[in-house]
Amino acid sequence: MESLVIAARGGVDVRVMIPCMPDHPFVYRATEYYAKYLVNNGVRVYKYDKGFLHAKTMVSGNNLASVGSANQDYRSYQLNWEANAFCYNEGLTAQLKKVFEDDIQDCTELTPEYFARQSNWRKFKQYFSRLLSPVL
């Protein structure tokens, strides 16, 4: 999280896409909590409006991409044995970047105003779910 914020504050175009549909309510509310933190610290966060988005894809620069199943959490690395492939290929990186940019057309960008309009009950669920995030 902090690396994303540091990069965004340093002028890097950092964009994250999350699903509009949860696979688990606690996970989703925790995701919203962290999305708000990122937005408030200069990261652009998009909610994919066409359903559940399960891709774990990263593009950096013109020749680095990562694709796989791993979330960036303890469970993925230590318990579920998930992994990502890192690719150093300009063609693949360009393809994945285009897929991301095309998918942005089906997203809502989350803004401070978006979070300000949320009910106190929803904010409570986000704060509570965040407390559970180490075990989600």
N, C-alpha and C. Protein backbone atom coordinates (compact mmCIF):
# COMPACT_ATOMS: atom_id res chain seq x y z
N MET A 1 0.84 -1.19 0.00
CA MET A 1 0.00 0.00 0.00
C MET A 1 0.88 1.25 0.00
N GLU A 2 1.85 1.24 0.89
CA GLU A 2 2.70 2.42 1.00
C GLU A 2 3.53 2.64 -0.26
N SER A 3 3.94 1.55 -0.90
CA SER A 3 4.70 1.68 -2.15
C SER A 3 3.85 2.34 -3.23
N LEU A 4 2.58 1.98 -3.30
CA LEU A 4 1.68 2.60 -4.27
C LEU A 4 1.52 4.09 -4.00
N VAL A 5 1.36 4.44 -2.73
CA VAL A 5 1.19 5.84 -2.34
C VAL A 5 2.47 6.63 -2.64
N ILE A 6 3.62 6.08 -2.29
CA ILE A 6 4.89 6.77 -2.55
C ILE A 6 5.08 7.00 -4.04
N ALA A 7 4.77 5.98 -4.84
CA ALA A 7 4.89 6.12 -6.29
C ALA A 7 3.95 7.21 -6.81
N ALA A 8 2.69 7.19 -6.37
CA ALA A 8 1.72 8.19 -6.82
C ALA A 8 2.15 9.59 -6.42
N ARG A 9 2.61 9.75 -5.20
CA ARG A 9 3.07 11.06 -4.75
C ARG A 9 4.33 11.51 -5.48
N GLY A 10 5.07 10.54 -6.03
CA GLY A 10 6.27 10.86 -6.79
C GLY A 10 5.99 11.11 -8.27
N GLY A 11 4.73 11.13 -8.66
CA GLY A 11 4.37 11.46 -10.02
C GLY A 11 4.11 10.26 -10.93
N VAL A 12 4.17 9.05 -10.41
CA VAL A 12 3.89 7.86 -11.21
C VAL A 12 2.37 7.71 -11.37
N ASP A 13 1.95 7.34 -12.56
CA ASP A 13 0.52 7.11 -12.83
C ASP A 13 0.15 5.74 -12.25
N VAL A 14 -0.39 5.73 -11.04
CA VAL A 14 -0.76 4.49 -10.37
C VAL A 14 -2.28 4.35 -10.43
N ARG A 15 -2.72 3.26 -11.06
CA ARG A 15 -4.16 3.01 -11.20
C ARG A 15 -4.44 1.58 -10.76
N VAL A 16 -5.53 1.41 -10.01
CA VAL A 16 -5.94 0.11 -9.49
C VAL A 16 -7.40 -0.11 -9.87
N MET A 17 -7.71 -1.34 -10.27
CA MET A 17 -9.09 -1.68 -10.61
C MET A 17 -9.58 -2.75 -9.65
N ILE A 18 -10.76 -2.53 -9.08
CA ILE A 18 -11.37 -3.49 -8.17
C ILE A 18 -12.74 -3.88 -8.72
N PRO A 19 -13.28 -5.03 -8.30
CA PRO A 19 -14.59 -5.45 -8.80
C PRO A 19 -15.73 -4.67 -8.15
N CYS A 20 -16.87 -4.65 -8.82
CA CYS A 20 -18.06 -4.06 -8.20
C CYS A 20 -18.83 -5.11 -7.42
N MET A 21 -18.51 -6.37 -7.67
CA MET A 21 -19.24 -7.48 -7.07
C MET A 21 -18.30 -8.24 -6.13
N PRO A 22 -18.69 -8.39 -4.88
CA PRO A 22 -17.81 -9.07 -3.92
C PRO A 22 -17.85 -10.59 -4.05
N ASP A 23 -16.71 -11.22 -3.72
CA ASP A 23 -16.72 -12.66 -3.58
C ASP A 23 -16.99 -13.03 -2.12
N HIS A 24 -16.75 -12.08 -1.23
CA HIS A 24 -17.06 -12.23 0.20
C HIS A 24 -17.33 -10.85 0.76
N PRO A 25 -18.40 -10.64 1.53
CA PRO A 25 -18.74 -9.29 2.00
C PRO A 25 -17.65 -8.63 2.85
N PHE A 26 -17.00 -9.37 3.72
CA PHE A 26 -15.96 -8.76 4.55
C PHE A 26 -14.76 -8.34 3.72
N VAL A 27 -14.40 -9.19 2.77
CA VAL A 27 -13.27 -8.87 1.88
C VAL A 27 -13.59 -7.62 1.09
N TYR A 28 -14.81 -7.54 0.58
CA TYR A 28 -15.18 -6.39 -0.25
C TYR A 28 -15.19 -5.09 0.56
N ARG A 29 -15.74 -5.13 1.75
CA ARG A 29 -15.76 -3.90 2.57
C ARG A 29 -14.35 -3.48 2.98
N ALA A 30 -13.48 -4.44 3.25
CA ALA A 30 -12.08 -4.11 3.54
C ALA A 30 -11.43 -3.50 2.30
N THR A 31 -11.76 -4.04 1.13
CA THR A 31 -11.23 -3.49 -0.13
C THR A 31 -11.65 -2.04 -0.28
N GLU A 32 -12.91 -1.74 0.02
CA GLU A 32 -13.39 -0.35 -0.05
C GLU A 32 -12.62 0.55 0.91
N TYR A 33 -12.36 0.06 2.11
CA TYR A 33 -11.61 0.84 3.10
C TYR A 33 -10.24 1.21 2.53
N TYR A 34 -9.54 0.23 2.00
CA TYR A 34 -8.21 0.48 1.46
C TYR A 34 -8.25 1.30 0.18
N ALA A 35 -9.30 1.14 -0.61
CA ALA A 35 -9.46 1.96 -1.82
C ALA A 35 -9.58 3.43 -1.44
N LYS A 36 -10.34 3.71 -0.41
CA LYS A 36 -10.49 5.10 0.05
C LYS A 36 -9.13 5.66 0.48
N TYR A 37 -8.36 4.86 1.20
CA TYR A 37 -7.03 5.29 1.63
C TYR A 37 -6.16 5.62 0.41
N LEU A 38 -6.19 4.75 -0.59
CA LEU A 38 -5.40 4.99 -1.79
C LEU A 38 -5.85 6.26 -2.52
N VAL A 39 -7.15 6.41 -2.70
CA VAL A 39 -7.68 7.59 -3.39
C VAL A 39 -7.27 8.86 -2.66
N ASN A 40 -7.37 8.85 -1.35
CA ASN A 40 -7.01 10.03 -0.56
C ASN A 40 -5.51 10.33 -0.59
N ASN A 41 -4.74 9.39 -1.14
CA ASN A 41 -3.30 9.57 -1.21
C ASN A 41 -2.76 9.57 -2.64
N GLY A 42 -3.62 9.90 -3.59
CA GLY A 42 -3.17 10.15 -4.95
C GLY A 42 -3.21 9.00 -5.93
N VAL A 43 -3.69 7.83 -5.51
CA VAL A 43 -3.81 6.69 -6.41
C VAL A 43 -5.20 6.73 -7.05
N ARG A 44 -5.27 6.46 -8.33
CA ARG A 44 -6.57 6.41 -9.01
C ARG A 44 -7.11 4.99 -8.90
N VAL A 45 -8.33 4.87 -8.36
CA VAL A 45 -8.95 3.57 -8.15
C VAL A 45 -10.24 3.53 -8.96
N TYR A 46 -10.43 2.43 -9.68
CA TYR A 46 -11.60 2.24 -10.53
C TYR A 46 -12.36 1.01 -10.07
N LYS A 47 -13.70 1.13 -10.07
CA LYS A 47 -14.57 0.00 -9.75
C LYS A 47 -15.11 -0.54 -11.07
N TYR A 48 -14.76 -1.80 -11.37
CA TYR A 48 -15.20 -2.45 -12.61
C TYR A 48 -16.69 -2.77 -12.49
N ASP A 49 -17.50 -2.15 -13.34
CA ASP A 49 -18.95 -2.22 -13.21
C ASP A 49 -19.61 -3.42 -13.87
N LYS A 50 -18.85 -4.24 -14.57
CA LYS A 50 -19.46 -5.35 -15.30
C LYS A 50 -19.39 -6.67 -14.54
N GLY A 51 -19.22 -6.63 -13.23
CA GLY A 51 -19.25 -7.86 -12.45
C GLY A 51 -17.99 -8.10 -11.67
N PHE A 52 -17.74 -9.37 -11.42
CA PHE A 52 -16.61 -9.77 -10.59
C PHE A 52 -15.34 -9.77 -11.43
N LEU A 53 -14.33 -9.13 -10.94
CA LEU A 53 -13.03 -9.04 -11.60
C LEU A 53 -12.03 -9.77 -10.72
N HIS A 54 -11.46 -10.84 -11.24
CA HIS A 54 -10.58 -11.66 -10.42
C HIS A 54 -9.12 -11.59 -10.88
N ALA A 55 -8.84 -10.83 -11.92
CA ALA A 55 -7.49 -10.75 -12.48
C ALA A 55 -6.52 -10.11 -11.49
N LYS A 56 -5.34 -10.67 -11.45
CA LYS A 56 -4.24 -10.06 -10.69
C LYS A 56 -3.17 -9.75 -11.71
N THR A 57 -3.28 -8.60 -12.31
CA THR A 57 -2.40 -8.18 -13.39
C THR A 57 -1.75 -6.86 -13.02
N MET A 58 -0.46 -6.74 -13.33
CA MET A 58 0.25 -5.50 -13.09
C MET A 58 1.07 -5.19 -14.33
N VAL A 59 1.09 -3.92 -14.72
CA VAL A 59 1.92 -3.46 -15.83
C VAL A 59 2.76 -2.32 -15.29
N SER A 60 4.05 -2.35 -15.60
CA SER A 60 4.95 -1.29 -15.17
C SER A 60 5.87 -0.94 -16.32
N GLY A 61 5.81 0.31 -16.75
CA GLY A 61 6.65 0.73 -17.86
C GLY A 61 6.25 0.06 -19.15
N ASN A 62 7.24 -0.17 -20.02
CA ASN A 62 6.96 -0.74 -21.34
C ASN A 62 7.31 -2.22 -21.46
N ASN A 63 7.98 -2.78 -20.45
CA ASN A 63 8.42 -4.17 -20.64
C ASN A 63 8.36 -5.02 -19.38
N LEU A 64 7.48 -4.68 -18.45
CA LEU A 64 7.32 -5.51 -17.25
C LEU A 64 5.84 -5.69 -16.96
N ALA A 65 5.44 -6.94 -16.85
CA ALA A 65 4.05 -7.26 -16.51
C ALA A 65 4.04 -8.48 -15.61
N SER A 66 3.01 -8.57 -14.80
CA SER A 66 2.82 -9.72 -13.93
C SER A 66 1.37 -10.17 -14.05
N VAL A 67 1.18 -11.49 -14.18
CA VAL A 67 -0.16 -12.06 -14.28
C VAL A 67 -0.18 -13.31 -13.42
N GLY A 68 -1.25 -13.50 -12.67
CA GLY A 68 -1.34 -14.72 -11.87
C GLY A 68 -2.55 -14.74 -10.97
N SER A 69 -2.47 -15.58 -9.95
CA SER A 69 -3.60 -15.79 -9.05
C SER A 69 -3.41 -15.16 -7.68
N ALA A 70 -2.22 -14.68 -7.37
CA ALA A 70 -1.91 -14.24 -6.00
C ALA A 70 -2.45 -12.86 -5.68
N ASN A 71 -3.18 -12.79 -4.59
CA ASN A 71 -3.49 -11.50 -3.98
C ASN A 71 -2.22 -11.06 -3.25
N GLN A 72 -2.15 -9.82 -2.92
CA GLN A 72 -0.97 -9.33 -2.20
C GLN A 72 -1.23 -9.40 -0.70
N ASP A 73 -1.29 -10.64 -0.19
CA ASP A 73 -1.56 -10.84 1.23
C ASP A 73 -0.89 -12.11 1.73
N TYR A 74 -0.89 -12.27 3.02
CA TYR A 74 -0.25 -13.40 3.68
C TYR A 74 -0.83 -14.74 3.22
N ARG A 75 -2.16 -14.81 3.15
CA ARG A 75 -2.81 -16.07 2.80
C ARG A 75 -2.37 -16.56 1.42
N SER A 76 -2.28 -15.65 0.45
CA SER A 76 -1.89 -16.06 -0.90
C SER A 76 -0.47 -16.60 -0.94
N TYR A 77 0.40 -15.98 -0.18
CA TYR A 77 1.81 -16.38 -0.22
C TYR A 77 2.12 -17.59 0.66
N GLN A 78 1.51 -17.68 1.83
CA GLN A 78 1.90 -18.70 2.79
C GLN A 78 0.94 -19.88 2.89
N LEU A 79 -0.34 -19.65 2.68
CA LEU A 79 -1.32 -20.72 2.88
C LEU A 79 -1.85 -21.32 1.58
N ASN A 80 -2.08 -20.49 0.58
CA ASN A 80 -2.72 -20.96 -0.65
C ASN A 80 -1.73 -21.30 -1.76
N TRP A 81 -0.49 -21.02 -1.56
CA TRP A 81 0.56 -21.31 -2.54
C TRP A 81 0.22 -20.74 -3.92
N GLU A 82 -0.26 -19.53 -3.94
CA GLU A 82 -0.57 -18.88 -5.21
C GLU A 82 0.68 -18.21 -5.75
N ALA A 83 0.67 -17.94 -7.03
CA ALA A 83 1.86 -17.36 -7.66
C ALA A 83 1.48 -16.49 -8.85
N ASN A 84 2.37 -15.62 -9.22
CA ASN A 84 2.25 -14.80 -10.42
C ASN A 84 3.46 -15.03 -11.30
N ALA A 85 3.27 -14.90 -12.60
CA ALA A 85 4.39 -14.96 -13.54
C ALA A 85 4.80 -13.52 -13.87
N PHE A 86 6.08 -13.26 -13.89
CA PHE A 86 6.59 -11.96 -14.28
C PHE A 86 7.15 -12.08 -15.69
N CYS A 87 6.73 -11.18 -16.55
CA CYS A 87 7.11 -11.23 -17.97
C CYS A 87 7.84 -9.94 -18.34
N TYR A 88 8.93 -10.09 -19.03
CA TYR A 88 9.73 -8.96 -19.47
C TYR A 88 9.67 -8.91 -21.00
N ASN A 89 8.49 -8.55 -21.50
CA ASN A 89 8.23 -8.60 -22.93
C ASN A 89 7.40 -7.39 -23.32
N GLU A 90 7.91 -6.58 -24.23
CA GLU A 90 7.21 -5.36 -24.62
C GLU A 90 5.85 -5.64 -25.26
N GLY A 91 5.76 -6.67 -26.09
CA GLY A 91 4.50 -6.98 -26.75
C GLY A 91 3.41 -7.39 -25.77
N LEU A 92 3.74 -8.29 -24.86
CA LEU A 92 2.76 -8.72 -23.86
C LEU A 92 2.39 -7.58 -22.94
N THR A 93 3.37 -6.79 -22.54
CA THR A 93 3.09 -5.64 -21.67
C THR A 93 2.13 -4.68 -22.36
N ALA A 94 2.34 -4.41 -23.63
CA ALA A 94 1.46 -3.51 -24.38
C ALA A 94 0.05 -4.08 -24.47
N GLN A 95 -0.07 -5.40 -24.69
CA GLN A 95 -1.39 -6.05 -24.76
C GLN A 95 -2.13 -5.92 -23.43
N LEU A 96 -1.44 -6.21 -22.33
CA LEU A 96 -2.09 -6.14 -21.01
C LEU A 96 -2.47 -4.71 -20.66
N LYS A 97 -1.65 -3.76 -21.04
CA LYS A 97 -1.97 -2.35 -20.80
C LYS A 97 -3.23 -1.96 -21.58
N LYS A 98 -3.35 -2.42 -22.82
CA LYS A 98 -4.54 -2.12 -23.62
C LYS A 98 -5.78 -2.75 -23.00
N VAL A 99 -5.69 -3.98 -22.52
CA VAL A 99 -6.83 -4.63 -21.87
C VAL A 99 -7.28 -3.80 -20.67
N PHE A 100 -6.32 -3.35 -19.85
CA PHE A 100 -6.65 -2.53 -18.68
C PHE A 100 -7.34 -1.24 -19.11
N GLU A 101 -6.77 -0.56 -20.11
CA GLU A 101 -7.35 0.71 -20.56
C GLU A 101 -8.73 0.51 -21.19
N ASP A 102 -8.93 -0.61 -21.90
CA ASP A 102 -10.26 -0.91 -22.43
C ASP A 102 -11.25 -1.17 -21.30
N ASP A 103 -10.81 -1.90 -20.27
CA ASP A 103 -11.68 -2.19 -19.13
C ASP A 103 -12.05 -0.94 -18.34
N ILE A 104 -11.20 0.06 -18.36
CA ILE A 104 -11.51 1.33 -17.65
C ILE A 104 -12.79 1.95 -18.21
N GLN A 105 -13.09 1.68 -19.48
CA GLN A 105 -14.32 2.21 -20.08
C GLN A 105 -15.57 1.66 -19.40
N ASP A 106 -15.42 0.52 -18.72
CA ASP A 106 -16.54 -0.11 -18.01
C ASP A 106 -16.41 0.07 -16.50
N CYS A 107 -15.77 1.15 -16.09
CA CYS A 107 -15.52 1.39 -14.67
C CYS A 107 -16.08 2.73 -14.21
N THR A 108 -16.22 2.83 -12.90
CA THR A 108 -16.50 4.10 -12.24
C THR A 108 -15.25 4.45 -11.46
N GLU A 109 -14.74 5.67 -11.69
CA GLU A 109 -13.57 6.08 -10.91
C GLU A 109 -14.04 6.50 -9.52
N LEU A 110 -13.38 5.95 -8.51
CA LEU A 110 -13.72 6.29 -7.13
C LEU A 110 -13.00 7.58 -6.77
N THR A 111 -13.73 8.48 -6.14
CA THR A 111 -13.21 9.80 -5.79
C THR A 111 -13.51 10.08 -4.32
N PRO A 112 -12.90 11.09 -3.74
CA PRO A 112 -13.27 11.46 -2.37
C PRO A 112 -14.76 11.74 -2.23
N GLU A 113 -15.39 12.31 -3.26
CA GLU A 113 -16.83 12.59 -3.22
C GLU A 113 -17.63 11.29 -3.19
N TYR A 114 -17.19 10.28 -3.92
CA TYR A 114 -17.85 8.97 -3.92
C TYR A 114 -17.89 8.42 -2.50
N PHE A 115 -16.77 8.49 -1.79
CA PHE A 115 -16.72 7.96 -0.44
C PHE A 115 -17.48 8.84 0.54
N ALA A 116 -17.50 10.15 0.31
CA ALA A 116 -18.22 11.06 1.21
C ALA A 116 -19.73 10.81 1.18
N ARG A 117 -20.24 10.33 0.06
CA ARG A 117 -21.68 10.06 -0.09
C ARG A 117 -22.11 8.76 0.57
N GLN A 118 -21.18 7.94 1.01
CA GLN A 118 -21.55 6.65 1.60
C GLN A 118 -22.17 6.84 2.98
N SER A 119 -23.07 5.94 3.31
CA SER A 119 -23.75 6.01 4.60
C SER A 119 -22.79 5.68 5.74
N ASN A 120 -23.15 6.13 6.93
CA ASN A 120 -22.33 5.81 8.11
C ASN A 120 -22.30 4.30 8.36
N TRP A 121 -23.39 3.60 8.05
CA TRP A 121 -23.43 2.15 8.24
C TRP A 121 -22.42 1.46 7.32
N ARG A 122 -22.37 1.91 6.08
CA ARG A 122 -21.40 1.33 5.14
C ARG A 122 -19.97 1.62 5.58
N LYS A 123 -19.73 2.84 6.04
CA LYS A 123 -18.39 3.19 6.54
C LYS A 123 -18.02 2.33 7.75
N PHE A 124 -19.00 2.08 8.63
CA PHE A 124 -18.74 1.22 9.78
C PHE A 124 -18.33 -0.18 9.32
N LYS A 125 -19.06 -0.73 8.34
CA LYS A 125 -18.74 -2.06 7.83
C LYS A 125 -17.33 -2.09 7.22
N GLN A 126 -16.94 -1.01 6.59
CA GLN A 126 -15.59 -0.94 6.02
C GLN A 126 -14.53 -0.93 7.12
N TYR A 127 -14.73 -0.11 8.14
CA TYR A 127 -13.77 -0.06 9.25
C TYR A 127 -13.70 -1.39 9.98
N PHE A 128 -14.85 -2.01 10.21
CA PHE A 128 -14.88 -3.29 10.91
C PHE A 128 -14.19 -4.37 10.08
N SER A 129 -14.48 -4.41 8.78
CA SER A 129 -13.88 -5.41 7.91
C SER A 129 -12.38 -5.23 7.80
N ARG A 130 -11.92 -4.01 7.85
CA ARG A 130 -10.50 -3.74 7.81
C ARG A 130 -9.80 -4.39 8.99
N LEU A 131 -10.45 -4.44 10.16
CA LEU A 131 -9.87 -5.09 11.33
C LEU A 131 -9.65 -6.58 11.09
N LEU A 132 -10.49 -7.17 10.24
CA LEU A 132 -10.38 -8.60 9.94
C LEU A 132 -9.42 -8.90 8.80
N SER A 133 -8.93 -7.86 8.12
CA SER A 133 -8.15 -8.09 6.91
C SER A 133 -6.93 -8.99 7.08
N PRO A 134 -6.26 -9.05 8.24
CA PRO A 134 -5.13 -9.96 8.33
C PRO A 134 -5.51 -11.44 8.19
N VAL A 135 -6.76 -11.77 8.42
CA VAL A 135 -7.16 -13.18 8.31
C VAL A 135 -8.12 -13.45 7.15
N LEU A 136 -8.41 -12.44 6.35
CA LEU A 136 -9.35 -12.63 5.24
C LEU A 136 -8.65 -13.29 4.08
